[in-house]
Amino acid sequence: MSDTKNRLSKFLAAAGVASRRACEELIFDGHVTVNGDVVLVPQTMVNSKDKITVNGNPVEGAQSKVYYMLNKPVGYICTNRKTPTTNIVIDLFDGVDERLFTVGRLDKDTEGLILVTNDGHFANEVIHPSHNIQKEYLAKTDNEISHDHLLAISGGTLVEGCFVKPLRVTKVRKGTLKIVITEGKKREVRLLLEAAGLQVQELTRIRIGGLVLGDLPVGQWKAMSKKERELIFQ
């Protein structure tokens, strides 16, 4: 294994702990030790000879990279912190040896397409705002969708203190619409619809970039080909 020194955040991302940004947050929050000492600086230089832990769990060096697409069920959350009362997405990958994490998040009540990997660089490319990758959702609501509803949703709303607007909103049938966003802030689609006077009954992410969920059953996952990974950025 190489003795080349790398920044701690980059080392953790290469080891499949999380995206580079999420690894930095783990370091800032005091969850990472190097040779027994808590380290709070992501730029700390380390290599495979150092004893590194995250939340007390040893971290090995870089793994072979794996890439999966999952149709996330309702009731599962996108975290690697397991509790007795929590269903986490990674539980669905029984038999996979690599240390996995989700690329971004879907909230507990949302199902649909999510990416799961151990490649922190890939994850960072997908979630970085500069790439403006579109995410498309199918939403079923509690009311028939009117033209005024569509105008209100298109007009945008405040989410986490920032004003956001969807790229496109389309009525599919009586109480169902498709909405395309790029921001991806927490509960953004739900808040956009609530601001227009609609309550979400079901929400499914059906597309990330050019990659579509298709007929992948809920709760099932499959390995992504190189072509499918490239579709995300188209």
C-alpha atoms as a PDB file:
ATOM      1  CA  MET A   1       0.000   0.000   0.000  1.00  0.00           C
ATOM      2  CA  SER A   2       1.328   3.463  -0.826  1.00  0.00           C
ATOM      3  CA  ASP A   3       3.040   5.523   1.891  1.00  0.00           C
ATOM      4  CA  THR A   4       2.238   8.757   0.045  1.00  0.00           C
ATOM      5  CA  LYS A   5       0.790  11.381   2.349  1.00  0.00           C
ATOM      6  CA  ASN A   6      -2.692  12.758   1.626  1.00  0.00           C
ATOM      7  CA  ARG A   7      -4.974  15.217   3.349  1.00  0.00           C
ATOM      8  CA  LEU A   8      -7.056  13.482   6.013  1.00  0.00           C
ATOM      9  CA  SER A   9     -10.350  14.426   4.339  1.00  0.00           C
ATOM     10  CA  LYS A  10      -9.138  13.024   1.003  1.00  0.00           C
ATOM     11  CA  PHE A  11      -7.867   9.831   2.689  1.00  0.00           C
ATOM     12  CA  LEU A  12     -11.253   9.268   4.353  1.00  0.00           C
ATOM     13  CA  ALA A  13     -13.139   9.890   1.111  1.00  0.00           C
ATOM     14  CA  ALA A  14     -10.902   7.436  -0.766  1.00  0.00           C
ATOM     15  CA  ALA A  15     -11.542   4.861   1.969  1.00  0.00           C
ATOM     16  CA  GLY A  16     -15.272   5.118   1.344  1.00  0.00           C
ATOM     17  CA  VAL A  17     -16.225   6.920   4.550  1.00  0.00           C
ATOM     18  CA  ALA A  18     -18.265   9.668   2.846  1.00  0.00           C
ATOM     19  CA  SER A  19     -17.987  12.453   0.297  1.00  0.00           C
ATOM     20  CA  ARG A  20     -15.066  14.842   0.774  1.00  0.00           C
ATOM     21  CA  ARG A  21     -17.358  17.524   2.164  1.00  0.00           C
ATOM     22  CA  ALA A  22     -19.031  15.124   4.601  1.00  0.00           C
ATOM     23  CA  CYS A  23     -15.614  13.856   5.714  1.00  0.00           C
ATOM     24  CA  GLU A  24     -14.593  17.415   6.503  1.00  0.00           C
ATOM     25  CA  GLU A  25     -17.714  17.788   8.660  1.00  0.00           C
ATOM     26  CA  LEU A  26     -16.872  14.560  10.521  1.00  0.00           C
ATOM     27  CA  ILE A  27     -13.407  15.952  11.232  1.00  0.00           C
ATOM     28  CA  PHE A  28     -14.683  19.364  12.342  1.00  0.00           C
ATOM     29  CA  ASP A  29     -17.167  17.656  14.684  1.00  0.00           C
ATOM     30  CA  GLY A  30     -14.441  15.649  16.430  1.00  0.00           C
ATOM     31  CA  HIS A  31     -15.395  12.186  15.151  1.00  0.00           C
ATOM     32  CA  VAL A  32     -11.962  11.372  13.683  1.00  0.00           C
ATOM     33  CA  THR A  33      -8.780  10.291  15.442  1.00  0.00           C
ATOM     34  CA  VAL A  34      -5.274   9.837  14.048  1.00  0.00           C
ATOM     35  CA  ASN A  35      -2.942   7.662  16.098  1.00  0.00           C
ATOM     36  CA  GLY A  36      -5.204   8.022  19.116  1.00  0.00           C
ATOM     37  CA  ASP A  37      -5.619  11.802  18.998  1.00  0.00           C
ATOM     38  CA  VAL A  38      -8.742  13.665  17.894  1.00  0.00           C
ATOM     39  CA  VAL A  39      -7.895  15.718  14.804  1.00  0.00           C
ATOM     40  CA  LEU A  40      -9.993  18.744  13.827  1.00  0.00           C
ATOM     41  CA  VAL A  41      -8.068  19.863  10.721  1.00  0.00           C
ATOM     42  CA  PRO A  42      -9.070  18.237   7.381  1.00  0.00           C
ATOM     43  CA  GLN A  43      -5.712  19.251   5.828  1.00  0.00           C
ATOM     44  CA  THR A  44      -3.755  17.068   8.296  1.00  0.00           C
ATOM     45  CA  MET A  45      -1.420  14.889   6.241  1.00  0.00           C
ATOM     46  CA  VAL A  46      -1.733  11.111   6.778  1.00  0.00           C
ATOM     47  CA  ASN A  47      -0.938   7.827   5.050  1.00  0.00           C
ATOM     48  CA  SER A  48      -1.772   4.135   5.368  1.00  0.00           C
ATOM     49  CA  LYS A  49       0.671   3.676   8.265  1.00  0.00           C
ATOM     50  CA  ASP A  50      -1.389   5.986  10.488  1.00  0.00           C
ATOM     51  CA  LYS A  51      -4.079   4.473  12.715  1.00  0.00           C
ATOM     52  CA  ILE A  52      -7.242   6.363  11.789  1.00  0.00           C
ATOM     53  CA  THR A  53     -10.715   5.907  13.242  1.00  0.00           C
ATOM     54  CA  VAL A  54     -14.139   7.433  12.582  1.00  0.00           C
ATOM     55  CA  ASN A  55     -16.547   7.188  15.506  1.00  0.00           C
ATOM     56  CA  GLY A  56     -14.196   4.614  16.994  1.00  0.00           C
ATOM     57  CA  ASN A  57     -14.188   2.383  13.896  1.00  0.00           C
ATOM     58  CA  PRO A  58     -10.828   1.756  12.180  1.00  0.00           C
ATOM     59  CA  VAL A  59     -10.469   3.094   8.638  1.00  0.00           C
ATOM     60  CA  GLU A  60      -8.395   1.161   6.124  1.00  0.00           C
ATOM     61  CA  GLY A  61      -6.904   2.594   2.952  1.00  0.00           C
ATOM     62  CA  ALA A  62      -8.510   3.099  -0.432  1.00  0.00           C
ATOM     63  CA  GLN A  63     -11.023   0.463  -1.560  1.00  0.00           C
ATOM     64  CA  SER A  64     -12.009  -0.697  -5.017  1.00  0.00           C
ATOM     65  CA  LYS A  65     -14.712   1.709  -6.099  1.00  0.00           C
ATOM     66  CA  VAL A  66     -18.320   0.523  -6.381  1.00  0.00           C
ATOM     67  CA  TYR A  67     -21.383   2.390  -7.620  1.00  0.00           C
ATOM     68  CA  TYR A  68     -25.027   1.478  -7.068  1.00  0.00           C
ATOM     69  CA  MET A  69     -28.435   2.939  -7.808  1.00  0.00           C
ATOM     70  CA  LEU A  70     -31.212   2.193  -5.328  1.00  0.00           C
ATOM     71  CA  ASN A  71     -34.970   2.680  -5.276  1.00  0.00           C
ATOM     72  CA  LYS A  72     -35.140   3.834  -1.652  1.00  0.00           C
ATOM     73  CA  PRO A  73     -38.242   2.782   0.289  1.00  0.00           C
ATOM     74  CA  VAL A  74     -40.162   5.097   2.605  1.00  0.00           C
ATOM     75  CA  GLY A  75     -39.021   4.712   6.211  1.00  0.00           C
ATOM     76  CA  TYR A  76     -35.277   4.524   5.535  1.00  0.00           C
ATOM     77  CA  ILE A  77     -32.900   7.386   6.259  1.00  0.00           C
ATOM     78  CA  CYS A  78     -29.653   8.365   4.548  1.00  0.00           C
ATOM     79  CA  THR A  79     -27.076   8.114   7.312  1.00  0.00           C
ATOM     80  CA  ASN A  80     -24.377   5.687   8.390  1.00  0.00           C
ATOM     81  CA  ARG A  81     -25.173   6.124  12.085  1.00  0.00           C
ATOM     82  CA  LYS A  82     -27.176   3.088  13.105  1.00  0.00           C
ATOM     83  CA  THR A  83     -29.514   3.104  16.112  1.00  0.00           C
ATOM     84  CA  PRO A  84     -31.877   0.382  17.395  1.00  0.00           C
ATOM     85  CA  THR A  85     -34.910   2.362  16.186  1.00  0.00           C
ATOM     86  CA  THR A  86     -33.566   3.485  12.814  1.00  0.00           C
ATOM     87  CA  ASN A  87     -33.720   1.858   9.386  1.00  0.00           C
ATOM     88  CA  ILE A  88     -30.820   3.098   7.299  1.00  0.00           C
ATOM     89  CA  VAL A  89     -30.306   2.791   3.558  1.00  0.00           C
ATOM     90  CA  ILE A  90     -27.034   0.899   3.954  1.00  0.00           C
ATOM     91  CA  ASP A  91     -28.943  -1.934   5.694  1.00  0.00           C
ATOM     92  CA  LEU A  92     -30.395  -2.799   2.278  1.00  0.00           C
ATOM     93  CA  PHE A  93     -26.927  -3.701   0.939  1.00  0.00           C
ATOM     94  CA  ASP A  94     -26.563  -6.991   2.764  1.00  0.00           C
ATOM     95  CA  GLY A  95     -23.588  -8.955   1.462  1.00  0.00           C
ATOM     96  CA  VAL A  96     -21.680  -5.941   0.109  1.00  0.00           C
ATOM     97  CA  ASP A  97     -18.286  -5.781   1.834  1.00  0.00           C
ATOM     98  CA  GLU A  98     -17.295  -2.209   0.940  1.00  0.00           C
ATOM     99  CA  ARG A  99     -17.954   0.683   3.314  1.00  0.00           C
ATOM    100  CA  LEU A 100     -20.863   2.470   1.593  1.00  0.00           C
ATOM    101  CA  PHE A 101     -22.596   5.824   1.912  1.00  0.00           C
ATOM    102  CA  THR A 102     -25.375   7.631   0.069  1.00  0.00           C
ATOM    103  CA  VAL A 103     -24.675  10.444  -2.379  1.00  0.00           C
ATOM    104  CA  GLY A 104     -26.776  13.231  -0.920  1.00  0.00           C
ATOM    105  CA  ARG A 105     -30.022  12.462   0.879  1.00  0.00           C
ATOM    106  CA  LEU A 106     -33.690  11.707   0.497  1.00  0.00           C
ATOM    107  CA  ASP A 107     -35.792  12.314   3.588  1.00  0.00           C
ATOM    108  CA  LYS A 108     -37.374   9.441   5.486  1.00  0.00           C
ATOM    109  CA  ASP A 109     -40.787   9.881   3.845  1.00  0.00           C
ATOM    110  CA  THR A 110     -39.470  10.105   0.277  1.00  0.00           C
ATOM    111  CA  GLU A 111     -38.754   7.113  -1.929  1.00  0.00           C
ATOM    112  CA  GLY A 112     -36.994   6.756  -5.244  1.00  0.00           C
ATOM    113  CA  LEU A 113     -33.627   7.070  -6.915  1.00  0.00           C
ATOM    114  CA  ILE A 114     -30.550   7.513  -4.757  1.00  0.00           C
ATOM    115  CA  LEU A 115     -26.912   6.732  -5.484  1.00  0.00           C
ATOM    116  CA  VAL A 116     -24.796   4.661  -3.108  1.00  0.00           C
ATOM    117  CA  THR A 117     -21.023   4.334  -3.394  1.00  0.00           C
ATOM    118  CA  ASN A 118     -17.688   4.278  -1.611  1.00  0.00           C
ATOM    119  CA  ASP A 119     -16.132   6.830  -3.977  1.00  0.00           C
ATOM    120  CA  GLY A 120     -15.914  10.188  -2.210  1.00  0.00           C
ATOM    121  CA  HIS A 121     -14.623  11.998  -5.292  1.00  0.00           C
ATOM    122  CA  PHE A 122     -17.542  10.765  -7.404  1.00  0.00           C
ATOM    123  CA  ALA A 123     -20.007  11.760  -4.668  1.00  0.00           C
ATOM    124  CA  ASN A 124     -18.528  15.229  -4.451  1.00  0.00           C
ATOM    125  CA  GLU A 125     -18.819  15.660  -8.230  1.00  0.00           C
ATOM    126  CA  VAL A 126     -22.513  14.718  -8.129  1.00  0.00           C
ATOM    127  CA  ILE A 127     -23.522  16.956  -5.229  1.00  0.00           C
ATOM    128  CA  HIS A 128     -21.337  19.983  -5.984  1.00  0.00           C
ATOM    129  CA  PRO A 129     -23.600  22.963  -6.865  1.00  0.00           C
ATOM    130  CA  SER A 130     -21.369  23.998  -9.772  1.00  0.00           C
ATOM    131  CA  HIS A 131     -22.551  20.998 -11.799  1.00  0.00           C
ATOM    132  CA  ASN A 132     -26.237  22.001 -11.566  1.00  0.00           C
ATOM    133  CA  ILE A 133     -27.381  18.400 -11.861  1.00  0.00           C
ATOM    134  CA  GLN A 134     -31.144  18.182 -12.234  1.00  0.00           C
ATOM    135  CA  LYS A 135     -33.288  16.054  -9.926  1.00  0.00           C
ATOM    136  CA  GLU A 136     -36.820  15.185 -11.004  1.00  0.00           C
ATOM    137  CA  TYR A 137     -39.592  14.173  -8.610  1.00  0.00           C
ATOM    138  CA  LEU A 138     -43.079  12.765  -9.010  1.00  0.00           C
ATOM    139  CA  ALA A 139     -45.405  14.160  -6.334  1.00  0.00           C
ATOM    140  CA  LYS A 140     -48.932  13.056  -5.449  1.00  0.00           C
ATOM    141  CA  THR A 141     -50.866  15.717  -3.553  1.00  0.00           C
ATOM    142  CA  ASP A 142     -54.065  16.068  -1.530  1.00  0.00           C
ATOM    143  CA  ASN A 143     -55.845  18.297  -4.079  1.00  0.00           C
ATOM    144  CA  GLU A 144     -56.483  18.667  -7.756  1.00  0.00           C
ATOM    145  CA  ILE A 145     -53.655  20.768  -9.135  1.00  0.00           C
ATOM    146  CA  SER A 146     -54.795  24.033 -10.663  1.00  0.00           C
ATOM    147  CA  HIS A 147     -53.035  26.504 -12.912  1.00  0.00           C
ATOM    148  CA  ASP A 148     -52.683  28.798  -9.896  1.00  0.00           C
ATOM    149  CA  HIS A 149     -50.920  26.019  -7.988  1.00  0.00           C
ATOM    150  CA  LEU A 150     -48.437  25.590 -10.840  1.00  0.00           C
ATOM    151  CA  LEU A 151     -47.791  29.336 -10.952  1.00  0.00           C
ATOM    152  CA  ALA A 152     -47.257  29.468  -7.189  1.00  0.00           C
ATOM    153  CA  ILE A 153     -44.821  26.541  -7.226  1.00  0.00           C
ATOM    154  CA  SER A 154     -42.942  28.000 -10.195  1.00  0.00           C
ATOM    155  CA  GLY A 155     -42.641  31.294  -8.301  1.00  0.00           C
ATOM    156  CA  GLY A 156     -40.456  29.670  -5.662  1.00  0.00           C
ATOM    157  CA  THR A 157     -40.182  29.975  -1.884  1.00  0.00           C
ATOM    158  CA  LEU A 158     -37.686  30.321   0.959  1.00  0.00           C
ATOM    159  CA  VAL A 159     -35.841  27.143   1.966  1.00  0.00           C
ATOM    160  CA  GLU A 160     -33.195  27.278   4.709  1.00  0.00           C
ATOM    161  CA  GLY A 161     -33.091  31.065   4.379  1.00  0.00           C
ATOM    162  CA  CYS A 162     -32.492  30.979   0.614  1.00  0.00           C
ATOM    163  CA  PHE A 163     -35.006  31.723  -2.137  1.00  0.00           C
ATOM    164  CA  VAL A 164     -35.308  28.758  -4.496  1.00  0.00           C
ATOM    165  CA  LYS A 165     -37.270  28.166  -7.683  1.00  0.00           C
ATOM    166  CA  PRO A 166     -37.820  24.905  -9.545  1.00  0.00           C
ATOM    167  CA  LEU A 167     -36.591  24.586 -13.113  1.00  0.00           C
ATOM    168  CA  ARG A 168     -39.853  23.096 -14.313  1.00  0.00           C
ATOM    169  CA  VAL A 169     -43.256  22.064 -12.951  1.00  0.00           C
ATOM    170  CA  THR A 170     -45.661  19.933 -14.987  1.00  0.00           C
ATOM    171  CA  LYS A 171     -49.119  18.604 -14.136  1.00  0.00           C
ATOM    172  CA  VAL A 172     -49.335  14.885 -14.900  1.00  0.00           C
ATOM    173  CA  ARG A 173     -52.929  14.197 -13.870  1.00  0.00           C
ATOM    174  CA  LYS A 174     -55.533  15.412 -11.389  1.00  0.00           C
ATOM    175  CA  GLY A 175     -53.458  15.430  -8.198  1.00  0.00           C
ATOM    176  CA  THR A 176     -50.009  14.505  -9.525  1.00  0.00           C
ATOM    177  CA  LEU A 177     -47.179  16.634 -10.848  1.00  0.00           C
ATOM    178  CA  LYS A 178     -43.536  16.415 -11.838  1.00  0.00           C
ATOM    179  CA  ILE A 179     -41.072  18.956 -10.508  1.00  0.00           C
ATOM    180  CA  VAL A 180     -37.437  19.464 -11.521  1.00  0.00           C
ATOM    181  CA  ILE A 181     -34.916  21.166  -9.217  1.00  0.00           C
ATOM    182  CA  THR A 182     -31.152  21.631  -8.999  1.00  0.00           C
ATOM    183  CA  GLU A 183     -30.686  23.100  -5.519  1.00  0.00           C
ATOM    184  CA  GLY A 184     -31.607  19.972  -3.555  1.00  0.00           C
ATOM    185  CA  LYS A 185     -31.990  21.691  -0.194  1.00  0.00           C
ATOM    186  CA  LYS A 186     -33.550  19.807   2.705  1.00  0.00           C
ATOM    187  CA  ARG A 187     -37.243  19.036   2.017  1.00  0.00           C
ATOM    188  CA  GLU A 188     -37.156  21.543  -0.861  1.00  0.00           C
ATOM    189  CA  VAL A 189     -39.869  19.904  -2.996  1.00  0.00           C
ATOM    190  CA  ARG A 190     -42.220  19.490  -0.037  1.00  0.00           C
ATOM    191  CA  LEU A 191     -41.745  23.118   0.998  1.00  0.00           C
ATOM    192  CA  LEU A 192     -42.331  24.373  -2.546  1.00  0.00           C
ATOM    193  CA  LEU A 193     -45.646  22.510  -2.698  1.00  0.00           C
ATOM    194  CA  GLU A 194     -46.688  23.501   0.817  1.00  0.00           C
ATOM    195  CA  ALA A 195     -46.052  27.155  -0.008  1.00  0.00           C
ATOM    196  CA  ALA A 196     -48.524  26.734  -2.890  1.00  0.00           C
ATOM    197  CA  GLY A 197     -51.155  25.251  -0.545  1.00  0.00           C
ATOM    198  CA  LEU A 198     -50.616  21.591  -1.408  1.00  0.00           C
ATOM    199  CA  GLN A 199     -49.801  18.731   0.968  1.00  0.00           C
ATOM    200  CA  VAL A 200     -47.589  15.952  -0.361  1.00  0.00           C
ATOM    201  CA  GLN A 201     -49.027  12.461   0.021  1.00  0.00           C
ATOM    202  CA  GLU A 202     -46.323  10.579  -1.906  1.00  0.00           C
ATOM    203  CA  LEU A 203     -42.981  11.810  -3.220  1.00  0.00           C
ATOM    204  CA  THR A 204     -40.629   9.843  -5.465  1.00  0.00           C
ATOM    205  CA  ARG A 205     -37.372  10.935  -7.057  1.00  0.00           C
ATOM    206  CA  ILE A 206     -37.373   9.525 -10.573  1.00  0.00           C
ATOM    207  CA  ARG A 207     -34.277  11.064 -12.186  1.00  0.00           C
ATOM    208  CA  ILE A 208     -30.798  12.413 -11.366  1.00  0.00           C
ATOM    209  CA  GLY A 209     -29.269  14.186 -14.351  1.00  0.00           C
ATOM    210  CA  GLY A 210     -29.799  11.844 -17.297  1.00  0.00           C
ATOM    211  CA  LEU A 211     -30.089   8.731 -15.092  1.00  0.00           C
ATOM    212  CA  VAL A 212     -33.692   7.571 -14.646  1.00  0.00           C
ATOM    213  CA  LEU A 213     -35.082   5.239 -11.997  1.00  0.00           C
ATOM    214  CA  GLY A 214     -37.018   3.216 -14.556  1.00  0.00           C
ATOM    215  CA  ASP A 215     -38.632  -0.016 -13.368  1.00  0.00           C
ATOM    216  CA  LEU A 216     -36.214  -0.796 -10.522  1.00  0.00           C
ATOM    217  CA  PRO A 217     -38.476  -2.167  -7.735  1.00  0.00           C
ATOM    218  CA  VAL A 218     -38.755  -0.342  -4.409  1.00  0.00           C
ATOM    219  CA  GLY A 219     -36.073  -1.578  -2.001  1.00  0.00           C
ATOM    220  CA  GLN A 220     -33.944  -3.054  -4.795  1.00  0.00           C
ATOM    221  CA  TRP A 221     -30.540  -1.885  -6.023  1.00  0.00           C
ATOM    222  CA  LYS A 222     -28.212  -2.620  -8.897  1.00  0.00           C
ATOM    223  CA  ALA A 223     -24.629  -1.845  -9.843  1.00  0.00           C
ATOM    224  CA  MET A 224     -24.241   1.072 -12.238  1.00  0.00           C
ATOM    225  CA  SER A 225     -22.310   0.766 -15.466  1.00  0.00           C
ATOM    226  CA  LYS A 226     -19.824   3.420 -16.543  1.00  0.00           C
ATOM    227  CA  LYS A 227     -22.376   4.641 -19.100  1.00  0.00           C
ATOM    228  CA  GLU A 228     -25.039   5.023 -16.391  1.00  0.00           C
ATOM    229  CA  ARG A 229     -22.610   7.021 -14.226  1.00  0.00           C
ATOM    230  CA  GLU A 230     -21.857   9.278 -17.158  1.00  0.00           C
ATOM    231  CA  LEU A 231     -25.582   9.842 -17.721  1.00  0.00           C
ATOM    232  CA  ILE A 232     -25.781  11.610 -14.362  1.00  0.00           C
ATOM    233  CA  PHE A 233     -23.707  14.473 -15.737  1.00  0.00           C
ATOM    234  CA  GLN A 234     -25.645  14.845 -19.005  1.00  0.00           C
END
